[in-house]
């Protein structure tokens, strides 16, 4: 029997190819199709070694879901009845299966694109508008004084320069000159 014949009829198993597949898996342990066919053949004859071989085949299977479906199919020419293989017979869920499930959960979450809406505080519109235009007397800076001068608010600029000269005594002569210039204009 040749490997190509077994591959051509992967659902047909007789006891004859079992020895050939065992030798093939021994000689070529990383041959995924051979390992999967060998595990299927062992499960068909209810061998005590099939659970361990199925775990190895699952690890080598490129698509575990398709491999499970393949294992669950009944053989065509085998005389014995084949029962579907459950996860308990195969063993615990592998790490790759866990990662695959986690990735599916993450993908569903990203596809849903949930958004958290911030809670809106109960602020009356009138108060906000009034507060936004009120001047804060504690707010002082040289830049603010210059802006007020450009707006023509000389008295307010002088008050700010006076506060600045008290806050920064080392620059009080500079601020005094600025106040003199404003008063001359």
N, C-alpha and C. Protein backbone atom coordinates (compact mmCIF):
# COMPACT_ATOMS: atom_id res chain seq x y z
N UNK A 1 0.85 -1.17 0.00
CA UNK A 1 0.00 0.00 0.00
C UNK A 1 0.89 1.23 0.00
N UNK A 2 0.50 2.23 -0.74
CA UNK A 2 1.26 3.46 -0.86
C UNK A 2 0.53 4.57 -0.12
N UNK A 3 1.33 5.57 0.30
CA UNK A 3 0.79 6.70 1.05
C UNK A 3 -0.21 7.48 0.20
N UNK A 4 0.06 7.58 -1.10
CA UNK A 4 -0.86 8.30 -1.98
C UNK A 4 -2.23 7.63 -2.04
N UNK A 5 -2.26 6.29 -1.93
CA UNK A 5 -3.54 5.58 -1.93
C UNK A 5 -4.33 5.88 -0.66
N UNK A 6 -3.62 5.96 0.45
CA UNK A 6 -4.28 6.27 1.72
C UNK A 6 -4.81 7.70 1.70
N UNK A 7 -4.00 8.61 1.15
CA UNK A 7 -4.43 10.01 1.06
C UNK A 7 -5.62 10.17 0.12
N UNK A 8 -5.68 9.35 -0.91
CA UNK A 8 -6.79 9.44 -1.86
C UNK A 8 -8.12 9.03 -1.21
N UNK A 9 -8.06 8.12 -0.23
CA UNK A 9 -9.26 7.66 0.48
C UNK A 9 -9.04 7.80 1.99
N UNK A 10 -9.02 9.02 2.51
CA UNK A 10 -8.69 9.20 3.93
C UNK A 10 -9.76 8.70 4.89
N UNK A 11 -10.97 8.40 4.41
CA UNK A 11 -12.04 7.92 5.28
C UNK A 11 -12.18 6.40 5.23
N UNK A 12 -11.34 5.73 4.43
CA UNK A 12 -11.40 4.29 4.30
C UNK A 12 -10.20 3.69 4.99
N UNK A 13 -10.44 2.89 6.02
CA UNK A 13 -9.33 2.29 6.75
C UNK A 13 -9.55 0.81 6.96
N UNK A 14 -8.56 0.07 6.59
CA UNK A 14 -8.49 -1.35 6.89
C UNK A 14 -7.30 -1.53 7.81
N UNK A 15 -7.20 -2.64 8.50
CA UNK A 15 -6.04 -2.84 9.38
C UNK A 15 -4.70 -2.86 8.64
N UNK A 16 -4.73 -3.13 7.35
CA UNK A 16 -3.49 -3.25 6.57
C UNK A 16 -2.62 -1.99 6.61
N UNK A 17 -3.15 -0.78 6.39
CA UNK A 17 -2.27 0.38 6.35
C UNK A 17 -1.79 0.86 7.72
N UNK A 18 -2.31 0.28 8.81
CA UNK A 18 -1.93 0.73 10.14
C UNK A 18 -0.43 0.57 10.38
N UNK A 19 0.12 -0.57 10.02
CA UNK A 19 1.57 -0.80 10.20
C UNK A 19 2.38 0.16 9.34
N UNK A 20 1.91 0.37 8.09
CA UNK A 20 2.60 1.29 7.20
C UNK A 20 2.59 2.71 7.77
N UNK A 21 1.43 3.14 8.29
CA UNK A 21 1.34 4.50 8.86
C UNK A 21 2.20 4.63 10.12
N UNK A 22 2.24 3.56 10.95
CA UNK A 22 3.08 3.59 12.16
C UNK A 22 4.55 3.79 11.76
N UNK A 23 4.99 3.06 10.74
CA UNK A 23 6.37 3.18 10.27
C UNK A 23 6.62 4.58 9.69
N UNK A 24 5.65 5.10 8.95
CA UNK A 24 5.78 6.42 8.34
C UNK A 24 5.90 7.52 9.40
N UNK A 25 5.08 7.43 10.44
CA UNK A 25 5.12 8.42 11.52
C UNK A 25 6.44 8.31 12.29
N UNK A 26 6.93 7.07 12.44
CA UNK A 26 8.22 6.88 13.14
C UNK A 26 9.36 7.48 12.32
N UNK A 27 9.35 7.25 11.01
CA UNK A 27 10.43 7.75 10.15
C UNK A 27 10.30 9.26 9.89
N UNK A 28 9.07 9.73 9.79
CA UNK A 28 8.82 11.15 9.48
C UNK A 28 7.85 11.73 10.53
N UNK A 29 8.37 12.03 11.73
CA UNK A 29 7.47 12.46 12.82
C UNK A 29 6.80 13.82 12.59
N UNK A 30 7.32 14.62 11.67
CA UNK A 30 6.73 15.94 11.43
C UNK A 30 5.85 15.97 10.19
N UNK A 31 5.55 14.82 9.63
CA UNK A 31 4.65 14.74 8.48
C UNK A 31 3.22 14.80 9.00
N UNK A 32 2.60 15.95 8.88
CA UNK A 32 1.27 16.18 9.46
C UNK A 32 0.21 15.23 8.90
N UNK A 33 0.13 15.04 7.59
CA UNK A 33 -0.92 14.13 7.09
C UNK A 33 -0.75 12.71 7.60
N UNK A 34 0.49 12.23 7.66
CA UNK A 34 0.72 10.86 8.13
C UNK A 34 0.31 10.73 9.59
N UNK A 35 0.66 11.72 10.40
CA UNK A 35 0.32 11.67 11.82
C UNK A 35 -1.20 11.71 12.02
N UNK A 36 -1.88 12.52 11.23
CA UNK A 36 -3.32 12.63 11.35
C UNK A 36 -4.02 11.34 10.89
N UNK A 37 -3.54 10.76 9.80
CA UNK A 37 -4.12 9.50 9.31
C UNK A 37 -3.87 8.35 10.29
N UNK A 38 -2.70 8.34 10.89
CA UNK A 38 -2.36 7.30 11.87
C UNK A 38 -3.27 7.42 13.10
N UNK A 39 -3.49 8.64 13.56
CA UNK A 39 -4.38 8.84 14.71
C UNK A 39 -5.80 8.40 14.38
N UNK A 40 -6.24 8.70 13.17
CA UNK A 40 -7.58 8.29 12.73
C UNK A 40 -7.67 6.76 12.67
N UNK A 41 -6.64 6.12 12.14
CA UNK A 41 -6.65 4.66 12.04
C UNK A 41 -6.68 4.02 13.43
N UNK A 42 -5.93 4.58 14.37
CA UNK A 42 -5.95 4.05 15.74
C UNK A 42 -7.32 4.24 16.39
N UNK A 43 -7.95 5.36 16.11
CA UNK A 43 -9.28 5.58 16.70
C UNK A 43 -10.31 4.63 16.11
N UNK A 44 -10.12 4.24 14.85
CA UNK A 44 -11.06 3.32 14.20
C UNK A 44 -11.02 1.93 14.80
N UNK A 45 -9.85 1.52 15.25
CA UNK A 45 -9.74 0.16 15.82
C UNK A 45 -9.81 0.18 17.34
N UNK A 46 -10.14 1.35 17.91
CA UNK A 46 -10.24 1.51 19.36
C UNK A 46 -8.96 1.06 20.07
N UNK A 47 -7.83 1.49 19.55
CA UNK A 47 -6.55 1.17 20.15
C UNK A 47 -6.38 1.97 21.44
N UNK A 48 -5.65 1.39 22.40
CA UNK A 48 -5.42 2.10 23.66
C UNK A 48 -4.42 3.24 23.46
N UNK A 49 -3.75 3.29 22.32
CA UNK A 49 -2.76 4.33 22.05
C UNK A 49 -3.34 5.53 21.30
N UNK A 50 -4.61 5.44 20.91
CA UNK A 50 -5.14 6.49 20.03
C UNK A 50 -5.26 7.85 20.73
N UNK A 51 -5.55 7.88 22.03
CA UNK A 51 -5.71 9.18 22.72
C UNK A 51 -4.39 9.95 22.71
N UNK A 52 -3.29 9.25 22.98
CA UNK A 52 -1.99 9.92 22.97
C UNK A 52 -1.62 10.34 21.55
N UNK A 53 -1.94 9.51 20.58
CA UNK A 53 -1.61 9.83 19.20
C UNK A 53 -2.48 10.98 18.67
N UNK A 54 -3.71 11.06 19.13
CA UNK A 54 -4.57 12.16 18.71
C UNK A 54 -4.02 13.48 19.25
N UNK A 55 -3.52 13.48 20.49
CA UNK A 55 -2.92 14.70 21.04
C UNK A 55 -1.75 15.17 20.19
N UNK A 56 -0.92 14.23 19.79
CA UNK A 56 0.23 14.58 18.93
C UNK A 56 -0.24 15.11 17.58
N UNK A 57 -1.26 14.47 17.03
CA UNK A 57 -1.79 14.90 15.74
C UNK A 57 -2.45 16.27 15.86
N UNK A 58 -3.13 16.52 16.97
CA UNK A 58 -3.75 17.84 17.19
C UNK A 58 -2.68 18.92 17.22
N UNK A 59 -1.56 18.61 17.86
CA UNK A 59 -0.48 19.60 17.95
C UNK A 59 0.09 19.89 16.56
N UNK A 60 0.07 18.90 15.68
CA UNK A 60 0.63 19.09 14.34
C UNK A 60 -0.41 19.56 13.33
N UNK A 61 -1.67 19.50 13.68
CA UNK A 61 -2.73 19.83 12.72
C UNK A 61 -2.74 21.33 12.40
N UNK A 62 -2.80 21.68 11.13
CA UNK A 62 -2.88 23.09 10.77
C UNK A 62 -4.23 23.71 11.13
N UNK A 63 -5.28 22.90 11.16
CA UNK A 63 -6.62 23.39 11.50
C UNK A 63 -7.27 22.34 12.39
N UNK A 64 -7.28 22.59 13.70
CA UNK A 64 -7.80 21.60 14.65
C UNK A 64 -9.29 21.33 14.48
N UNK A 65 -10.02 22.36 14.08
CA UNK A 65 -11.46 22.18 13.90
C UNK A 65 -11.72 21.16 12.79
N UNK A 66 -11.03 21.31 11.67
CA UNK A 66 -11.22 20.36 10.57
C UNK A 66 -10.74 18.96 10.96
N UNK A 67 -9.68 18.91 11.75
CA UNK A 67 -9.17 17.61 12.19
C UNK A 67 -10.20 16.92 13.09
N UNK A 68 -10.83 17.67 13.99
CA UNK A 68 -11.87 17.09 14.86
C UNK A 68 -13.02 16.57 14.02
N UNK A 69 -13.42 17.34 13.00
CA UNK A 69 -14.50 16.88 12.11
C UNK A 69 -14.10 15.60 11.38
N UNK A 70 -12.84 15.54 10.94
CA UNK A 70 -12.34 14.36 10.26
C UNK A 70 -12.36 13.15 11.20
N UNK A 71 -11.98 13.37 12.45
CA UNK A 71 -12.00 12.27 13.42
C UNK A 71 -13.42 11.78 13.70
N UNK A 72 -14.38 12.68 13.65
CA UNK A 72 -15.76 12.33 13.99
C UNK A 72 -16.46 11.57 12.86
N UNK A 73 -15.93 11.63 11.64
CA UNK A 73 -16.57 10.92 10.52
C UNK A 73 -16.37 9.42 10.65
N UNK A 74 -17.39 8.69 10.23
CA UNK A 74 -17.33 7.23 10.30
C UNK A 74 -16.54 6.69 9.10
N UNK A 75 -15.77 5.64 9.31
CA UNK A 75 -15.02 5.05 8.20
C UNK A 75 -15.94 4.36 7.21
N UNK A 76 -15.52 4.32 5.96
CA UNK A 76 -16.36 3.76 4.90
C UNK A 76 -16.27 2.24 4.87
N UNK A 77 -15.05 1.69 4.86
CA UNK A 77 -14.94 0.24 4.68
C UNK A 77 -14.57 -0.51 5.95
N UNK A 78 -14.45 0.19 7.03
CA UNK A 78 -14.09 -0.47 8.28
C UNK A 78 -15.30 -1.22 8.80
N UNK A 79 -15.08 -2.41 9.33
CA UNK A 79 -16.18 -3.22 9.84
C UNK A 79 -16.69 -2.73 11.18
N UNK A 80 -15.82 -2.17 12.01
CA UNK A 80 -16.22 -1.74 13.35
C UNK A 80 -16.92 -0.40 13.34
N UNK A 81 -17.72 -0.18 14.37
CA UNK A 81 -18.39 1.11 14.48
C UNK A 81 -17.42 2.13 15.04
N UNK A 82 -17.52 3.33 14.53
CA UNK A 82 -16.66 4.40 15.03
C UNK A 82 -17.50 5.39 15.81
N UNK A 83 -17.03 5.71 16.98
CA UNK A 83 -17.74 6.72 17.78
C UNK A 83 -17.04 8.05 17.60
N UNK A 84 -17.79 9.14 17.64
CA UNK A 84 -17.15 10.45 17.54
C UNK A 84 -16.25 10.69 18.74
N UNK A 85 -15.13 11.33 18.50
CA UNK A 85 -14.17 11.60 19.55
C UNK A 85 -14.54 12.91 20.22
N UNK A 86 -14.66 12.90 21.53
CA UNK A 86 -14.98 14.11 22.27
C UNK A 86 -13.70 14.74 22.79
N UNK A 87 -13.83 15.94 23.30
CA UNK A 87 -12.65 16.63 23.84
C UNK A 87 -12.08 15.89 25.03
N UNK A 88 -12.94 15.23 25.81
CA UNK A 88 -12.45 14.53 26.99
C UNK A 88 -11.57 13.35 26.58
N UNK A 89 -11.90 12.74 25.46
CA UNK A 89 -11.07 11.64 24.98
C UNK A 89 -9.76 12.16 24.41
N UNK A 90 -9.81 13.32 23.79
CA UNK A 90 -8.61 13.88 23.18
C UNK A 90 -7.70 14.44 24.26
N UNK A 91 -8.25 14.92 25.33
CA UNK A 91 -7.46 15.52 26.41
C UNK A 91 -7.90 16.95 26.61
N UNK A 92 -7.16 17.66 27.42
CA UNK A 92 -7.50 19.05 27.71
C UNK A 92 -7.34 19.92 26.47
N UNK A 93 -8.00 21.06 26.49
CA UNK A 93 -7.91 22.01 25.39
C UNK A 93 -6.48 22.55 25.35
N UNK A 94 -5.89 22.56 24.17
CA UNK A 94 -4.50 22.99 24.05
C UNK A 94 -4.38 24.51 24.21
N UNK A 95 -3.17 24.96 24.44
CA UNK A 95 -2.90 26.39 24.57
C UNK A 95 -3.24 27.13 23.28
N UNK A 96 -2.96 26.49 22.15
CA UNK A 96 -3.28 27.13 20.86
C UNK A 96 -4.78 27.33 20.72
N UNK A 97 -5.58 26.34 21.17
CA UNK A 97 -7.04 26.50 21.13
C UNK A 97 -7.49 27.62 22.03
N UNK A 98 -6.90 27.73 23.21
CA UNK A 98 -7.24 28.81 24.13
C UNK A 98 -6.92 30.16 23.51
N UNK A 99 -5.73 30.28 22.92
CA UNK A 99 -5.34 31.53 22.27
C UNK A 99 -6.28 31.87 21.11
N UNK A 100 -6.68 30.84 20.36
CA UNK A 100 -7.60 31.06 19.25
C UNK A 100 -8.94 31.60 19.77
N UNK A 101 -9.47 31.01 20.84
CA UNK A 101 -10.74 31.48 21.41
C UNK A 101 -10.60 32.90 21.93
N UNK A 102 -9.48 33.18 22.61
CA UNK A 102 -9.26 34.53 23.11
C UNK A 102 -9.20 35.53 21.97
N UNK A 103 -8.54 35.15 20.90
CA UNK A 103 -8.44 36.05 19.74
C UNK A 103 -9.82 36.30 19.13
N UNK A 104 -10.67 35.27 19.09
CA UNK A 104 -12.03 35.45 18.59
C UNK A 104 -12.82 36.41 19.46
N UNK A 105 -12.65 36.31 20.77
CA UNK A 105 -13.34 37.22 21.70
C UNK A 105 -12.87 38.65 21.46
N UNK A 106 -11.56 38.82 21.32
CA UNK A 106 -11.00 40.16 21.08
C UNK A 106 -11.50 40.71 19.75
N UNK A 107 -11.53 39.87 18.73
CA UNK A 107 -12.01 40.31 17.41
C UNK A 107 -13.47 40.75 17.48
N UNK A 108 -14.32 39.99 18.20
CA UNK A 108 -15.72 40.38 18.35
C UNK A 108 -15.85 41.70 19.09
N UNK A 109 -15.02 41.88 20.11
CA UNK A 109 -15.04 43.13 20.88
C UNK A 109 -14.65 44.31 20.00
N UNK A 110 -13.59 44.14 19.22
CA UNK A 110 -13.14 45.22 18.34
C UNK A 110 -14.16 45.50 17.24
N UNK A 111 -14.83 44.46 16.76
CA UNK A 111 -15.83 44.65 15.72
C UNK A 111 -17.04 45.42 16.27
N UNK A 112 -17.40 45.15 17.52
CA UNK A 112 -18.52 45.85 18.15
C UNK A 112 -18.18 47.32 18.40
N UNK A 113 -16.91 47.63 18.60
CA UNK A 113 -16.42 48.99 18.80
C UNK A 113 -17.20 49.74 19.87
N UNK A 114 -17.23 49.21 21.11
CA UNK A 114 -18.00 49.88 22.17
C UNK A 114 -17.32 51.19 22.59
N UNK A 115 -18.11 52.13 23.01
CA UNK A 115 -17.61 53.44 23.46
C UNK A 115 -18.19 53.74 24.84
N UNK A 116 -17.38 54.33 25.69
CA UNK A 116 -17.83 54.77 27.00
C UNK A 116 -18.17 56.24 26.88
N UNK A 117 -19.38 56.57 27.25
CA UNK A 117 -19.85 57.95 27.18
C UNK A 117 -19.60 58.62 28.52
N UNK A 118 -18.95 59.78 28.53
CA UNK A 118 -18.72 60.47 29.80
C UNK A 118 -20.04 60.99 30.38
N UNK A 119 -20.11 60.98 31.69
CA UNK A 119 -21.31 61.48 32.35
C UNK A 119 -21.33 63.00 32.24
N UNK A 120 -22.49 63.53 31.90
CA UNK A 120 -22.62 64.97 31.75
C UNK A 120 -23.05 65.58 33.08
N UNK A 121 -22.27 66.55 33.53
CA UNK A 121 -22.60 67.22 34.79
C UNK A 121 -23.77 68.17 34.56
N UNK A 122 -24.57 68.33 35.58
CA UNK A 122 -25.74 69.22 35.48
C UNK A 122 -25.29 70.65 35.76
N UNK A 123 -24.94 71.40 34.70
CA UNK A 123 -24.53 72.79 34.82
C UNK A 123 -25.55 73.64 34.07
N UNK A 124 -25.98 74.68 34.73
CA UNK A 124 -26.93 75.57 34.08
C UNK A 124 -26.19 76.44 33.08
N UNK A 125 -26.77 76.60 31.91
CA UNK A 125 -26.10 77.32 30.83
C UNK A 125 -25.84 78.78 31.17
N UNK A 126 -26.70 79.42 31.84
CA UNK A 126 -26.53 80.84 32.17
C UNK A 126 -25.32 81.09 33.05
N UNK A 127 -25.07 80.21 34.01
CA UNK A 127 -23.94 80.38 34.92
C UNK A 127 -22.62 80.24 34.18
N UNK A 128 -22.52 79.29 33.28
CA UNK A 128 -21.29 79.06 32.54
C UNK A 128 -20.96 80.27 31.67
N UNK A 129 -21.94 80.81 31.00
CA UNK A 129 -21.70 81.95 30.13
C UNK A 129 -21.24 83.16 30.93
N UNK A 130 -21.87 83.40 32.06
CA UNK A 130 -21.51 84.55 32.89
C UNK A 130 -20.09 84.39 33.45
N UNK A 131 -19.75 83.17 33.92
CA UNK A 131 -18.42 82.93 34.49
C UNK A 131 -17.32 83.05 33.45
N UNK A 132 -17.63 82.74 32.21
CA UNK A 132 -16.59 82.77 31.18
C UNK A 132 -16.15 84.19 30.82
N UNK A 133 -16.99 85.18 31.05
CA UNK A 133 -16.63 86.55 30.70
C UNK A 133 -16.22 87.39 31.90
N UNK A 134 -16.38 86.86 33.11
CA UNK A 134 -15.97 87.60 34.30
C UNK A 134 -14.45 87.58 34.42
N UNK A 135 -13.90 88.69 34.84
CA UNK A 135 -12.46 88.78 35.04
C UNK A 135 -12.12 88.33 36.44
N UNK A 136 -11.04 87.61 36.55
CA UNK A 136 -10.56 87.15 37.84
C UNK A 136 -9.51 88.14 38.34
N UNK A 137 -9.72 88.83 39.46
CA UNK A 137 -8.76 89.81 39.93
C UNK A 137 -7.43 89.21 40.38
N UNK A 138 -7.44 87.93 40.70
CA UNK A 138 -6.19 87.28 41.13
C UNK A 138 -5.32 86.86 39.95
N UNK A 139 -5.87 86.89 38.77
CA UNK A 139 -5.13 86.49 37.58
C UNK A 139 -4.34 87.68 37.06
N UNK A 140 -3.01 87.63 37.19
CA UNK A 140 -2.16 88.72 36.73
C UNK A 140 -0.94 88.16 36.01
N UNK A 141 -0.60 88.82 34.92
CA UNK A 141 0.63 88.49 34.19
C UNK A 141 0.97 89.66 33.29
N UNK A 142 2.21 89.72 32.90
CA UNK A 142 2.66 90.81 32.03
C UNK A 142 1.97 90.71 30.67
N UNK A 143 1.76 89.49 30.20
CA UNK A 143 1.10 89.28 28.91
C UNK A 143 -0.35 89.78 28.97
N UNK A 144 -1.03 89.52 30.09
CA UNK A 144 -2.40 89.99 30.23
C UNK A 144 -2.45 91.52 30.23
N UNK A 145 -1.48 92.15 30.89
CA UNK A 145 -1.43 93.61 30.91
C UNK A 145 -1.24 94.17 29.50
N UNK A 146 -0.39 93.54 28.70
CA UNK A 146 -0.16 93.99 27.32
C UNK A 146 -1.43 93.81 26.47
N UNK A 147 -2.13 92.71 26.67
CA UNK A 147 -3.37 92.48 25.93
C UNK A 147 -4.40 93.54 26.28
N UNK A 148 -4.52 93.83 27.57
CA UNK A 148 -5.47 94.86 28.00
C UNK A 148 -5.12 96.23 27.41
N UNK A 149 -3.81 96.53 27.29
CA UNK A 149 -3.39 97.79 26.67
C UNK A 149 -3.82 97.85 25.22
N UNK A 150 -3.65 96.75 24.50
CA UNK A 150 -4.05 96.71 23.09
C UNK A 150 -5.56 96.86 22.94
N UNK A 151 -6.30 96.43 23.96
CA UNK A 151 -7.76 96.56 23.93
C UNK A 151 -8.21 97.95 24.39
N UNK A 152 -7.23 98.74 24.87
CA UNK A 152 -7.56 100.10 25.32
C UNK A 152 -7.98 100.17 26.77
N UNK A 153 -7.78 99.14 27.52
CA UNK A 153 -8.15 99.11 28.94
C UNK A 153 -6.93 99.48 29.79
N UNK A 154 -6.57 100.81 29.77
CA UNK A 154 -5.35 101.28 30.41
C UNK A 154 -5.42 101.17 31.94
N UNK A 155 -6.56 101.48 32.55
CA UNK A 155 -6.67 101.44 34.01
C UNK A 155 -6.45 100.02 34.54
N UNK A 156 -7.05 99.04 33.87
CA UNK A 156 -6.89 97.64 34.29
C UNK A 156 -5.44 97.20 34.10
N UNK A 157 -4.77 97.64 33.04
CA UNK A 157 -3.36 97.30 32.81
C UNK A 157 -2.48 97.89 33.91
N UNK A 158 -2.76 99.12 34.32
CA UNK A 158 -1.98 99.76 35.39
C UNK A 158 -2.16 98.99 36.70
N UNK A 159 -3.38 98.54 37.00
CA UNK A 159 -3.63 97.76 38.21
C UNK A 159 -2.81 96.47 38.19
N UNK A 160 -2.76 95.83 37.04
CA UNK A 160 -2.02 94.57 36.91
C UNK A 160 -0.52 94.83 37.08
N UNK A 161 0.01 95.89 36.43
CA UNK A 161 1.45 96.19 36.58
C UNK A 161 1.78 96.51 38.05
N UNK A 162 0.87 97.19 38.75
CA UNK A 162 1.08 97.51 40.15
C UNK A 162 1.15 96.21 40.99
N UNK A 163 0.26 95.27 40.73
CA UNK A 163 0.28 93.98 41.43
C UNK A 163 1.55 93.21 41.10
N UNK A 164 1.98 93.27 39.85
CA UNK A 164 3.21 92.58 39.44
C UNK A 164 4.43 93.17 40.14
N UNK A 165 4.46 94.50 40.31
CA UNK A 165 5.61 95.11 40.98
C UNK A 165 5.67 94.70 42.45
N UNK A 166 4.50 94.45 43.06
CA UNK A 166 4.48 93.96 44.44
C UNK A 166 4.88 92.49 44.53
N UNK A 167 4.49 91.73 43.50
CA UNK A 167 4.82 90.29 43.49
C UNK A 167 6.30 90.06 43.18
N UNK A 168 6.86 90.90 42.29
CA UNK A 168 8.26 90.76 41.89
C UNK A 168 9.01 92.06 42.18
N UNK A 169 9.45 92.27 43.42
CA UNK A 169 10.11 93.54 43.78
C UNK A 169 11.40 93.80 42.98
N UNK A 170 12.05 92.76 42.52
CA UNK A 170 13.28 92.94 41.73
C UNK A 170 13.00 93.58 40.38
N UNK A 171 11.77 93.52 39.90
CA UNK A 171 11.40 94.11 38.62
C UNK A 171 10.49 95.33 38.80
N UNK A 172 10.42 95.84 40.02
CA UNK A 172 9.48 96.94 40.29
C UNK A 172 9.82 98.20 39.49
N UNK A 173 11.11 98.49 39.26
CA UNK A 173 11.47 99.68 38.46
C UNK A 173 11.01 99.50 37.02
N UNK A 174 11.10 98.29 36.48
CA UNK A 174 10.66 98.00 35.12
C UNK A 174 9.15 98.25 35.00
N UNK A 175 8.38 97.72 35.99
CA UNK A 175 6.94 97.89 35.97
C UNK A 175 6.54 99.36 36.20
N UNK A 176 7.33 100.09 37.00
CA UNK A 176 7.05 101.51 37.23
C UNK A 176 7.18 102.29 35.92
N UNK A 177 8.22 101.99 35.11
CA UNK A 177 8.39 102.65 33.81
C UNK A 177 7.22 102.34 32.88
N UNK A 178 6.76 101.10 32.90
CA UNK A 178 5.61 100.71 32.06
C UNK A 178 4.37 101.52 32.45
N UNK A 179 4.15 101.67 33.78
CA UNK A 179 2.98 102.43 34.25
C UNK A 179 3.09 103.91 33.86
N UNK A 180 4.32 104.48 33.89
CA UNK A 180 4.53 105.87 33.49
C UNK A 180 4.21 106.06 32.01
N UNK A 181 4.66 105.12 31.18
CA UNK A 181 4.42 105.21 29.74
C UNK A 181 2.91 105.18 29.46
N UNK A 182 2.20 104.33 30.17
CA UNK A 182 0.75 104.22 29.96
C UNK A 182 0.06 105.52 30.34
N UNK A 183 0.49 106.12 31.44
CA UNK A 183 -0.15 107.35 31.89
C UNK A 183 0.16 108.53 30.96
N UNK A 184 1.32 108.53 30.30
CA UNK A 184 1.70 109.59 29.38
C UNK A 184 0.86 109.52 28.12
N UNK A 185 0.49 108.39 27.72
CA UNK A 185 -0.25 108.21 26.45
C UNK A 185 -1.66 108.65 26.53
